[in-house]
Amino acid sequence: MEAPLIVLLLLVVVLLGAQLSLPARRDGTAARLAEIERRLQLVMDHLGVVDEGPALPGVREHLARGEKIKAIKAYRAATGADLKTAKEAVEAMAGHH
C-alpha cells in the first residue's frame, strides 16, 4: 500500500515542477520575440520602410470624422481585439493623424 502512495506523490511533484517551469519558458519566448521585433524595426528603419498596419475598414474614416468610439468598435470588429487593446491601438492611430 505504501509503494503506490509514494509513486503517486512523486508523480504529483514531477507534474508540479513541470507546471512551474512553464511561465519561465513563456518569458523566454516573449523576450526572444521582443528582440526579433526590435531587430526587424531596425531593418525597416534602415530601409525606410513604413508599416501602414493592417487594413482596418472604417477605422481611419471614423477617426477622420472625430468618431473615436465608432473607430474603436470598427477596430474590434476587424481584429477581434479586446476593448483595452482596441482603445490603445485607435488612440495610437489618432496620434499619427
N, C-alpha and C. Protein backbone atom coordinates (compact mmCIF):
# COMPACT_ATOMS: atom_id res chain seq x y z
N MET A 1 0.82 -1.19 0.00
CA MET A 1 0.00 0.00 0.00
C MET A 1 0.86 1.26 0.00
N GLU A 2 2.02 1.23 0.62
CA GLU A 2 2.87 2.41 0.67
C GLU A 2 3.51 2.72 -0.68
N ALA A 3 3.88 1.72 -1.44
CA ALA A 3 4.55 1.94 -2.72
C ALA A 3 3.68 2.74 -3.69
N PRO A 4 2.39 2.41 -3.88
CA PRO A 4 1.57 3.22 -4.79
C PRO A 4 1.42 4.66 -4.30
N LEU A 5 1.37 4.86 -3.00
CA LEU A 5 1.26 6.21 -2.46
C LEU A 5 2.52 7.03 -2.75
N ILE A 6 3.68 6.40 -2.62
CA ILE A 6 4.94 7.06 -2.92
C ILE A 6 5.04 7.40 -4.40
N VAL A 7 4.62 6.48 -5.25
CA VAL A 7 4.65 6.71 -6.69
C VAL A 7 3.71 7.87 -7.04
N LEU A 8 2.55 7.90 -6.45
CA LEU A 8 1.58 8.96 -6.69
C LEU A 8 2.15 10.31 -6.22
N LEU A 9 2.77 10.32 -5.07
CA LEU A 9 3.38 11.54 -4.54
C LEU A 9 4.49 12.04 -5.47
N LEU A 10 5.33 11.14 -5.95
CA LEU A 10 6.40 11.52 -6.87
C LEU A 10 5.82 12.07 -8.18
N LEU A 11 4.78 11.45 -8.66
CA LEU A 11 4.13 11.92 -9.88
C LEU A 11 3.59 13.34 -9.70
N VAL A 12 2.98 13.61 -8.57
CA VAL A 12 2.45 14.95 -8.29
C VAL A 12 3.59 15.96 -8.23
N VAL A 13 4.69 15.60 -7.59
CA VAL A 13 5.84 16.51 -7.50
C VAL A 13 6.41 16.79 -8.89
N VAL A 14 6.53 15.78 -9.72
CA VAL A 14 7.06 15.96 -11.07
C VAL A 14 6.13 16.86 -11.89
N LEU A 15 4.83 16.63 -11.81
CA LEU A 15 3.87 17.44 -12.55
C LEU A 15 3.88 18.89 -12.08
N LEU A 16 3.98 19.10 -10.78
CA LEU A 16 4.04 20.46 -10.26
C LEU A 16 5.32 21.16 -10.73
N GLY A 17 6.41 20.45 -10.72
CA GLY A 17 7.67 21.02 -11.19
C GLY A 17 7.59 21.41 -12.65
N ALA A 18 6.98 20.57 -13.45
CA ALA A 18 6.83 20.88 -14.88
C ALA A 18 5.93 22.09 -15.07
N GLN A 19 4.87 22.17 -14.30
CA GLN A 19 3.93 23.29 -14.41
C GLN A 19 4.60 24.60 -14.00
N LEU A 20 5.41 24.56 -12.98
CA LEU A 20 6.08 25.77 -12.51
C LEU A 20 7.12 26.27 -13.50
N SER A 21 7.66 25.39 -14.32
CA SER A 21 8.67 25.82 -15.28
C SER A 21 8.05 26.44 -16.53
N LEU A 22 6.77 26.28 -16.76
CA LEU A 22 6.14 26.81 -17.97
C LEU A 22 6.18 28.33 -18.06
N PRO A 23 5.89 29.09 -17.00
CA PRO A 23 5.97 30.55 -17.15
C PRO A 23 7.37 31.02 -17.53
N ALA A 24 8.38 30.36 -17.06
CA ALA A 24 9.75 30.74 -17.42
C ALA A 24 9.97 30.54 -18.91
N ARG A 25 9.43 29.48 -19.46
CA ARG A 25 9.56 29.26 -20.90
C ARG A 25 8.83 30.35 -21.68
N ARG A 26 7.64 30.72 -21.21
CA ARG A 26 6.88 31.78 -21.88
C ARG A 26 7.62 33.10 -21.81
N ASP A 27 8.23 33.38 -20.66
CA ASP A 27 9.00 34.62 -20.52
C ASP A 27 10.17 34.63 -21.49
N GLY A 28 10.84 33.50 -21.65
CA GLY A 28 11.94 33.40 -22.60
C GLY A 28 11.47 33.61 -24.02
N THR A 29 10.32 33.06 -24.35
CA THR A 29 9.75 33.23 -25.68
C THR A 29 9.39 34.69 -25.91
N ALA A 30 8.81 35.32 -24.91
CA ALA A 30 8.44 36.72 -25.04
C ALA A 30 9.67 37.59 -25.25
N ALA A 31 10.74 37.29 -24.53
CA ALA A 31 11.97 38.06 -24.68
C ALA A 31 12.57 37.87 -26.07
N ARG A 32 12.56 36.64 -26.56
CA ARG A 32 13.08 36.38 -27.91
C ARG A 32 12.24 37.09 -28.96
N LEU A 33 10.94 37.05 -28.80
CA LEU A 33 10.05 37.72 -29.74
C LEU A 33 10.28 39.24 -29.72
N ALA A 34 10.44 39.81 -28.54
CA ALA A 34 10.70 41.24 -28.44
C ALA A 34 12.00 41.61 -29.15
N GLU A 35 13.03 40.77 -29.01
CA GLU A 35 14.31 41.04 -29.67
C GLU A 35 14.17 40.93 -31.19
N ILE A 36 13.43 39.96 -31.66
CA ILE A 36 13.20 39.81 -33.10
C ILE A 36 12.45 41.04 -33.63
N GLU A 37 11.42 41.48 -32.90
CA GLU A 37 10.67 42.66 -33.33
C GLU A 37 11.56 43.90 -33.35
N ARG A 38 12.43 44.04 -32.36
CA ARG A 38 13.35 45.18 -32.31
C ARG A 38 14.27 45.18 -33.52
N ARG A 39 14.82 44.02 -33.81
CA ARG A 39 15.73 43.92 -34.96
C ARG A 39 15.01 44.17 -36.28
N LEU A 40 13.82 43.66 -36.41
CA LEU A 40 13.03 43.90 -37.61
C LEU A 40 12.76 45.39 -37.79
N GLN A 41 12.44 46.07 -36.69
CA GLN A 41 12.20 47.51 -36.77
C GLN A 41 13.46 48.25 -37.20
N LEU A 42 14.61 47.82 -36.71
CA LEU A 42 15.88 48.43 -37.13
C LEU A 42 16.10 48.28 -38.64
N VAL A 43 15.81 47.10 -39.16
CA VAL A 43 15.97 46.85 -40.60
C VAL A 43 14.98 47.72 -41.38
N MET A 44 13.74 47.77 -40.93
CA MET A 44 12.74 48.58 -41.62
C MET A 44 13.12 50.05 -41.60
N ASP A 45 13.61 50.52 -40.45
CA ASP A 45 14.04 51.93 -40.37
C ASP A 45 15.20 52.19 -41.32
N HIS A 46 16.14 51.28 -41.38
CA HIS A 46 17.30 51.43 -42.25
C HIS A 46 16.89 51.49 -43.72
N LEU A 47 15.92 50.68 -44.09
CA LEU A 47 15.46 50.63 -45.47
C LEU A 47 14.42 51.71 -45.80
N GLY A 48 13.95 52.40 -44.77
CA GLY A 48 12.94 53.42 -44.99
C GLY A 48 11.55 52.87 -45.23
N VAL A 49 11.31 51.66 -44.78
CA VAL A 49 10.00 51.03 -44.96
C VAL A 49 9.05 51.53 -43.87
N VAL A 50 7.86 51.97 -44.28
CA VAL A 50 6.85 52.44 -43.35
C VAL A 50 5.73 51.41 -43.30
N ASP A 51 5.44 50.93 -42.13
CA ASP A 51 4.37 49.95 -41.95
C ASP A 51 3.06 50.70 -41.75
N GLU A 52 2.18 50.58 -42.71
CA GLU A 52 0.87 51.23 -42.62
C GLU A 52 -0.09 50.46 -41.72
N GLY A 53 0.34 49.27 -41.30
CA GLY A 53 -0.52 48.46 -40.46
C GLY A 53 -1.55 47.71 -41.29
N PRO A 54 -2.35 46.91 -40.62
CA PRO A 54 -3.35 46.13 -41.35
C PRO A 54 -4.46 47.02 -41.90
N ALA A 55 -5.09 46.54 -42.94
CA ALA A 55 -6.24 47.24 -43.49
C ALA A 55 -7.37 47.14 -42.46
N LEU A 56 -7.82 48.27 -42.00
CA LEU A 56 -8.87 48.29 -40.98
C LEU A 56 -10.06 49.07 -41.50
N PRO A 57 -10.99 48.37 -42.14
CA PRO A 57 -12.12 49.05 -42.76
C PRO A 57 -12.90 49.90 -41.77
N GLY A 58 -13.05 51.16 -42.11
CA GLY A 58 -13.86 52.07 -41.30
C GLY A 58 -13.11 52.77 -40.19
N VAL A 59 -12.04 52.22 -39.69
CA VAL A 59 -11.37 52.80 -38.53
C VAL A 59 -10.82 54.18 -38.86
N ARG A 60 -10.03 54.26 -39.93
CA ARG A 60 -9.42 55.55 -40.29
C ARG A 60 -10.49 56.58 -40.68
N GLU A 61 -11.54 56.12 -41.32
CA GLU A 61 -12.62 57.02 -41.71
C GLU A 61 -13.31 57.62 -40.48
N HIS A 62 -13.58 56.76 -39.49
CA HIS A 62 -14.21 57.24 -38.26
C HIS A 62 -13.28 58.22 -37.54
N LEU A 63 -11.99 57.91 -37.51
CA LEU A 63 -11.04 58.82 -36.87
C LEU A 63 -11.00 60.17 -37.58
N ALA A 64 -11.05 60.14 -38.90
CA ALA A 64 -11.01 61.38 -39.67
C ALA A 64 -12.22 62.27 -39.34
N ARG A 65 -13.33 61.65 -38.98
CA ARG A 65 -14.54 62.40 -38.62
C ARG A 65 -14.61 62.69 -37.12
N GLY A 66 -13.59 62.26 -36.37
CA GLY A 66 -13.58 62.50 -34.93
C GLY A 66 -14.47 61.54 -34.15
N GLU A 67 -14.81 60.41 -34.74
CA GLU A 67 -15.70 59.43 -34.10
C GLU A 67 -14.87 58.31 -33.47
N LYS A 68 -14.26 58.64 -32.33
CA LYS A 68 -13.33 57.70 -31.68
C LYS A 68 -14.02 56.41 -31.24
N ILE A 69 -15.18 56.50 -30.66
CA ILE A 69 -15.88 55.30 -30.18
C ILE A 69 -16.25 54.39 -31.34
N LYS A 70 -16.72 54.97 -32.44
CA LYS A 70 -17.04 54.16 -33.62
C LYS A 70 -15.77 53.55 -34.21
N ALA A 71 -14.66 54.29 -34.14
CA ALA A 71 -13.39 53.76 -34.64
C ALA A 71 -12.94 52.56 -33.80
N ILE A 72 -13.11 52.66 -32.49
CA ILE A 72 -12.75 51.54 -31.61
C ILE A 72 -13.63 50.33 -31.92
N LYS A 73 -14.91 50.56 -32.10
CA LYS A 73 -15.83 49.47 -32.43
C LYS A 73 -15.45 48.81 -33.76
N ALA A 74 -15.10 49.62 -34.76
CA ALA A 74 -14.70 49.08 -36.06
C ALA A 74 -13.39 48.30 -35.93
N TYR A 75 -12.47 48.80 -35.11
CA TYR A 75 -11.19 48.11 -34.89
C TYR A 75 -11.44 46.74 -34.27
N ARG A 76 -12.30 46.70 -33.27
CA ARG A 76 -12.61 45.42 -32.61
C ARG A 76 -13.26 44.45 -33.58
N ALA A 77 -14.15 44.96 -34.43
CA ALA A 77 -14.82 44.09 -35.41
C ALA A 77 -13.82 43.53 -36.41
N ALA A 78 -12.85 44.35 -36.81
CA ALA A 78 -11.88 43.92 -37.82
C ALA A 78 -10.82 42.98 -37.27
N THR A 79 -10.45 43.17 -35.99
CA THR A 79 -9.33 42.40 -35.43
C THR A 79 -9.71 41.37 -34.38
N GLY A 80 -10.86 41.54 -33.76
CA GLY A 80 -11.23 40.65 -32.67
C GLY A 80 -10.55 41.02 -31.36
N ALA A 81 -9.93 42.20 -31.32
CA ALA A 81 -9.21 42.63 -30.13
C ALA A 81 -10.17 42.96 -28.99
N ASP A 82 -9.65 42.87 -27.76
CA ASP A 82 -10.46 43.26 -26.62
C ASP A 82 -10.56 44.79 -26.57
N LEU A 83 -11.42 45.31 -25.71
CA LEU A 83 -11.68 46.74 -25.67
C LEU A 83 -10.43 47.55 -25.35
N LYS A 84 -9.66 47.13 -24.36
CA LYS A 84 -8.46 47.87 -23.96
C LYS A 84 -7.46 47.95 -25.10
N THR A 85 -7.20 46.81 -25.74
CA THR A 85 -6.25 46.77 -26.85
C THR A 85 -6.73 47.64 -28.00
N ALA A 86 -8.01 47.56 -28.32
CA ALA A 86 -8.57 48.35 -29.42
C ALA A 86 -8.47 49.84 -29.10
N LYS A 87 -8.78 50.23 -27.87
CA LYS A 87 -8.71 51.63 -27.48
C LYS A 87 -7.29 52.16 -27.61
N GLU A 88 -6.32 51.38 -27.13
CA GLU A 88 -4.92 51.80 -27.21
C GLU A 88 -4.47 51.93 -28.67
N ALA A 89 -4.87 50.97 -29.50
CA ALA A 89 -4.47 50.99 -30.90
C ALA A 89 -5.08 52.18 -31.63
N VAL A 90 -6.35 52.44 -31.39
CA VAL A 90 -7.03 53.56 -32.05
C VAL A 90 -6.44 54.88 -31.58
N GLU A 91 -6.14 54.98 -30.28
CA GLU A 91 -5.53 56.22 -29.79
C GLU A 91 -4.14 56.43 -30.41
N ALA A 92 -3.39 55.33 -30.60
CA ALA A 92 -2.10 55.44 -31.26
C ALA A 92 -2.27 55.89 -32.70
N MET A 93 -3.27 55.34 -33.37
CA MET A 93 -3.53 55.74 -34.76
C MET A 93 -3.95 57.21 -34.82
N ALA A 94 -4.74 57.65 -33.86
CA ALA A 94 -5.20 59.04 -33.84
C ALA A 94 -4.01 59.98 -33.63
N GLY A 95 -3.02 59.53 -32.90
CA GLY A 95 -1.83 60.34 -32.68
C GLY A 95 -1.00 60.54 -33.92
N HIS A 96 -1.14 59.64 -34.91
CA HIS A 96 -0.40 59.74 -36.16
C HIS A 96 -1.09 60.62 -37.20
N HIS A 97 -2.32 61.03 -36.91
CA HIS A 97 -3.06 61.87 -37.88
C HIS A 97 -2.64 63.30 -37.77
